[in-house]
Amino acid sequence: MDNIDLPIWFVIYWVWNFIAFLLMRTDKQYARNQARRIREKTFFRMALFGGAAGVLIGMYVYRHKTLHSSFVIGIPVILLGNLVCMYLLL
């Protein structure tokens, strides 16, 4: 079997998005249990720094924040920005 050497930035990108996805799940659980919530600002920061895909997927998998227009519009726009930045960096 061939040894695949993934660039470190690729691994970091996917780990960061997985963390963002889990953060969305955690906030949904907090909402159901009426516990202290994760700030919306945290989700936007995660998205801005490369985690927009994880936040967006988490939104729709867990049906969380999908009625907030700031998320429905903002997160896809940030994802597009993430993709443009990655394209320009490569």
N, C-alpha and C. Protein backbone atom coordinates (compact mmCIF):
# COMPACT_ATOMS: atom_id res chain seq x y z
N MET A 1 0.84 -1.17 0.00
CA MET A 1 0.00 0.00 0.00
C MET A 1 0.89 1.24 0.00
N ASP A 2 0.52 2.24 -0.79
CA ASP A 2 1.31 3.46 -0.87
C ASP A 2 1.13 4.31 0.39
N ASN A 3 2.22 4.91 0.79
CA ASN A 3 2.17 5.84 1.92
C ASN A 3 1.81 7.21 1.37
N ILE A 4 0.69 7.75 1.82
CA ILE A 4 0.22 9.04 1.33
C ILE A 4 0.68 10.12 2.31
N ASP A 5 1.46 11.06 1.81
CA ASP A 5 1.91 12.18 2.62
C ASP A 5 0.99 13.37 2.39
N LEU A 6 0.14 13.63 3.37
CA LEU A 6 -0.76 14.76 3.27
C LEU A 6 -0.06 16.01 3.77
N PRO A 7 -0.25 17.13 3.09
CA PRO A 7 0.33 18.38 3.59
C PRO A 7 -0.28 18.72 4.95
N ILE A 8 0.51 19.28 5.84
CA ILE A 8 0.06 19.59 7.19
C ILE A 8 -1.13 20.55 7.19
N TRP A 9 -1.16 21.51 6.25
CA TRP A 9 -2.26 22.46 6.20
C TRP A 9 -3.57 21.74 5.90
N PHE A 10 -3.51 20.69 5.09
CA PHE A 10 -4.71 19.92 4.73
C PHE A 10 -5.27 19.22 5.97
N VAL A 11 -4.39 18.62 6.75
CA VAL A 11 -4.80 17.93 7.98
C VAL A 11 -5.38 18.93 8.97
N ILE A 12 -4.70 20.06 9.15
CA ILE A 12 -5.17 21.10 10.07
C ILE A 12 -6.54 21.62 9.64
N TYR A 13 -6.73 21.84 8.35
CA TYR A 13 -8.01 22.32 7.83
C TYR A 13 -9.15 21.37 8.20
N TRP A 14 -8.96 20.08 7.97
CA TRP A 14 -10.02 19.13 8.25
C TRP A 14 -10.25 18.92 9.74
N VAL A 15 -9.20 18.96 10.53
CA VAL A 15 -9.37 18.85 11.99
C VAL A 15 -10.13 20.07 12.51
N TRP A 16 -9.77 21.26 12.03
CA TRP A 16 -10.43 22.50 12.46
C TRP A 16 -11.92 22.46 12.09
N ASN A 17 -12.24 21.98 10.89
CA ASN A 17 -13.64 21.88 10.48
C ASN A 17 -14.40 20.83 11.28
N PHE A 18 -13.73 19.76 11.65
CA PHE A 18 -14.37 18.75 12.48
C PHE A 18 -14.67 19.32 13.87
N ILE A 19 -13.76 20.11 14.40
CA ILE A 19 -13.99 20.77 15.69
C ILE A 19 -15.18 21.73 15.59
N ALA A 20 -15.25 22.49 14.50
CA ALA A 20 -16.36 23.42 14.29
C ALA A 20 -17.68 22.65 14.21
N PHE A 21 -17.67 21.51 13.53
CA PHE A 21 -18.85 20.67 13.42
C PHE A 21 -19.29 20.18 14.80
N LEU A 22 -18.33 19.71 15.59
CA LEU A 22 -18.64 19.23 16.94
C LEU A 22 -19.13 20.36 17.84
N LEU A 23 -18.62 21.55 17.64
CA LEU A 23 -19.05 22.71 18.41
C LEU A 23 -20.53 23.01 18.15
N MET A 24 -20.94 22.86 16.91
CA MET A 24 -22.35 23.07 16.56
C MET A 24 -23.21 22.01 17.24
N ARG A 25 -22.74 20.77 17.24
CA ARG A 25 -23.49 19.70 17.92
C ARG A 25 -23.60 19.97 19.41
N THR A 26 -22.50 20.41 20.01
CA THR A 26 -22.48 20.69 21.44
C THR A 26 -23.47 21.79 21.79
N ASP A 27 -23.49 22.86 20.98
CA ASP A 27 -24.42 23.96 21.25
C ASP A 27 -25.86 23.51 21.10
N LYS A 28 -26.13 22.63 20.16
CA LYS A 28 -27.48 22.10 20.00
C LYS A 28 -27.90 21.31 21.24
N GLN A 29 -26.97 20.51 21.77
CA GLN A 29 -27.26 19.75 22.99
C GLN A 29 -27.50 20.69 24.17
N TYR A 30 -26.69 21.75 24.25
CA TYR A 30 -26.89 22.75 25.32
C TYR A 30 -28.26 23.39 25.19
N ALA A 31 -28.68 23.69 23.97
CA ALA A 31 -29.98 24.31 23.75
C ALA A 31 -31.11 23.38 24.20
N ARG A 32 -30.98 22.11 23.88
CA ARG A 32 -32.01 21.15 24.30
C ARG A 32 -32.09 21.02 25.81
N ASN A 33 -30.94 21.11 26.47
CA ASN A 33 -30.89 20.94 27.92
C ASN A 33 -31.01 22.25 28.68
N GLN A 34 -31.25 23.33 27.95
CA GLN A 34 -31.36 24.67 28.52
C GLN A 34 -30.15 25.01 29.38
N ALA A 35 -28.98 24.64 28.89
CA ALA A 35 -27.72 24.92 29.59
C ALA A 35 -27.10 26.18 29.00
N ARG A 36 -25.98 26.58 29.56
CA ARG A 36 -25.27 27.75 29.06
C ARG A 36 -24.83 27.50 27.62
N ARG A 37 -25.04 28.48 26.76
CA ARG A 37 -24.83 28.32 25.33
C ARG A 37 -23.48 28.84 24.87
N ILE A 38 -23.09 28.42 23.68
CA ILE A 38 -21.87 28.90 23.03
C ILE A 38 -22.24 30.17 22.27
N ARG A 39 -21.43 31.20 22.39
CA ARG A 39 -21.73 32.48 21.74
C ARG A 39 -21.70 32.34 20.22
N GLU A 40 -22.59 33.07 19.58
CA GLU A 40 -22.62 33.07 18.11
C GLU A 40 -21.32 33.60 17.54
N LYS A 41 -20.73 34.53 18.25
CA LYS A 41 -19.45 35.11 17.84
C LYS A 41 -18.38 34.02 17.70
N THR A 42 -18.45 33.02 18.54
CA THR A 42 -17.49 31.91 18.50
C THR A 42 -17.62 31.14 17.18
N PHE A 43 -18.86 30.90 16.76
CA PHE A 43 -19.08 30.18 15.50
C PHE A 43 -18.54 30.98 14.32
N PHE A 44 -18.78 32.29 14.34
CA PHE A 44 -18.30 33.12 13.24
C PHE A 44 -16.77 33.20 13.22
N ARG A 45 -16.16 33.23 14.38
CA ARG A 45 -14.69 33.23 14.43
C ARG A 45 -14.13 31.91 13.90
N MET A 46 -14.74 30.81 14.32
CA MET A 46 -14.30 29.50 13.82
C MET A 46 -14.41 29.48 12.30
N ALA A 47 -15.52 29.98 11.78
CA ALA A 47 -15.75 29.98 10.33
C ALA A 47 -14.75 30.88 9.62
N LEU A 48 -14.50 32.06 10.17
CA LEU A 48 -13.57 33.00 9.55
C LEU A 48 -12.17 32.44 9.42
N PHE A 49 -11.76 31.67 10.40
CA PHE A 49 -10.41 31.13 10.39
C PHE A 49 -10.34 29.73 9.77
N GLY A 50 -11.25 29.44 8.84
CA GLY A 50 -11.16 28.21 8.07
C GLY A 50 -12.17 27.13 8.40
N GLY A 51 -13.04 27.35 9.37
CA GLY A 51 -13.97 26.30 9.78
C GLY A 51 -15.38 26.47 9.26
N ALA A 52 -15.56 27.26 8.22
CA ALA A 52 -16.91 27.53 7.72
C ALA A 52 -17.61 26.27 7.22
N ALA A 53 -16.87 25.37 6.61
CA ALA A 53 -17.49 24.13 6.11
C ALA A 53 -18.04 23.30 7.27
N GLY A 54 -17.29 23.20 8.34
CA GLY A 54 -17.74 22.44 9.51
C GLY A 54 -18.96 23.06 10.17
N VAL A 55 -18.96 24.39 10.28
CA VAL A 55 -20.11 25.08 10.87
C VAL A 55 -21.33 24.89 9.98
N LEU A 56 -21.16 25.05 8.68
CA LEU A 56 -22.29 24.93 7.75
C LEU A 56 -22.87 23.52 7.75
N ILE A 57 -22.02 22.53 7.70
CA ILE A 57 -22.51 21.14 7.72
C ILE A 57 -23.19 20.86 9.05
N GLY A 58 -22.61 21.31 10.14
CA GLY A 58 -23.21 21.13 11.46
C GLY A 58 -24.57 21.80 11.59
N MET A 59 -24.70 22.97 10.97
CA MET A 59 -25.99 23.68 10.99
C MET A 59 -27.10 22.81 10.44
N TYR A 60 -26.83 22.18 9.31
CA TYR A 60 -27.90 21.44 8.64
C TYR A 60 -28.03 20.00 9.14
N VAL A 61 -26.95 19.40 9.58
CA VAL A 61 -27.05 18.04 10.15
C VAL A 61 -27.85 18.08 11.45
N TYR A 62 -27.58 19.08 12.29
CA TYR A 62 -28.25 19.18 13.59
C TYR A 62 -29.43 20.14 13.59
N ARG A 63 -29.74 20.72 12.43
CA ARG A 63 -30.84 21.69 12.30
C ARG A 63 -30.75 22.75 13.39
N HIS A 64 -29.60 23.36 13.43
CA HIS A 64 -29.31 24.34 14.48
C HIS A 64 -28.88 25.65 13.86
N LYS A 65 -29.49 26.74 14.28
CA LYS A 65 -29.21 28.09 13.78
C LYS A 65 -29.67 28.29 12.35
N THR A 66 -30.51 27.41 11.83
CA THR A 66 -30.95 27.51 10.45
C THR A 66 -32.04 28.56 10.25
N LEU A 67 -32.58 29.09 11.32
CA LEU A 67 -33.58 30.15 11.21
C LEU A 67 -32.95 31.53 11.42
N HIS A 68 -31.67 31.57 11.69
CA HIS A 68 -30.96 32.84 11.88
C HIS A 68 -30.39 33.27 10.53
N SER A 69 -30.88 34.38 10.01
CA SER A 69 -30.42 34.82 8.69
C SER A 69 -28.93 35.13 8.69
N SER A 70 -28.40 35.57 9.83
CA SER A 70 -26.96 35.84 9.89
C SER A 70 -26.14 34.58 9.65
N PHE A 71 -26.66 33.44 10.05
CA PHE A 71 -25.97 32.16 9.82
C PHE A 71 -26.26 31.64 8.41
N VAL A 72 -27.52 31.68 8.01
CA VAL A 72 -27.91 31.13 6.71
C VAL A 72 -27.22 31.87 5.56
N ILE A 73 -27.00 33.16 5.72
CA ILE A 73 -26.33 33.95 4.69
C ILE A 73 -24.83 34.07 4.99
N GLY A 74 -24.50 34.36 6.23
CA GLY A 74 -23.12 34.66 6.60
C GLY A 74 -22.16 33.50 6.48
N ILE A 75 -22.53 32.34 6.93
CA ILE A 75 -21.62 31.20 6.91
C ILE A 75 -21.28 30.76 5.47
N PRO A 76 -22.25 30.66 4.56
CA PRO A 76 -21.87 30.35 3.17
C PRO A 76 -20.96 31.41 2.54
N VAL A 77 -21.20 32.68 2.86
CA VAL A 77 -20.34 33.75 2.34
C VAL A 77 -18.92 33.58 2.88
N ILE A 78 -18.81 33.27 4.16
CA ILE A 78 -17.48 33.05 4.75
C ILE A 78 -16.83 31.81 4.14
N LEU A 79 -17.62 30.77 3.88
CA LEU A 79 -17.08 29.56 3.23
C LEU A 79 -16.53 29.91 1.85
N LEU A 80 -17.26 30.70 1.12
CA LEU A 80 -16.77 31.13 -0.20
C LEU A 80 -15.45 31.88 -0.05
N GLY A 81 -15.37 32.75 0.96
CA GLY A 81 -14.12 33.46 1.23
C GLY A 81 -13.00 32.52 1.60
N ASN A 82 -13.30 31.49 2.40
CA ASN A 82 -12.30 30.49 2.75
C ASN A 82 -11.75 29.79 1.51
N LEU A 83 -12.66 29.42 0.62
CA LEU A 83 -12.25 28.71 -0.59
C LEU A 83 -11.42 29.60 -1.51
N VAL A 84 -11.80 30.86 -1.62
CA VAL A 84 -11.02 31.80 -2.44
C VAL A 84 -9.63 31.97 -1.85
N CYS A 85 -9.54 32.11 -0.54
CA CYS A 85 -8.21 32.26 0.11
C CYS A 85 -7.35 31.01 -0.10
N MET A 86 -7.95 29.82 0.04
CA MET A 86 -7.18 28.60 -0.18
C MET A 86 -6.70 28.52 -1.63
N TYR A 87 -7.57 28.89 -2.56
CA TYR A 87 -7.19 28.87 -3.97
C TYR A 87 -6.01 29.82 -4.23
N LEU A 88 -6.09 31.01 -3.66
CA LEU A 88 -5.03 32.00 -3.86
C LEU A 88 -3.72 31.58 -3.20
N LEU A 89 -3.82 30.89 -2.08
CA LEU A 89 -2.62 30.43 -1.39
C LEU A 89 -1.95 29.26 -2.11
N LEU A 90 -2.75 28.49 -2.82
CA LEU A 90 -2.19 27.33 -3.54
C LEU A 90 -1.74 27.77 -4.89
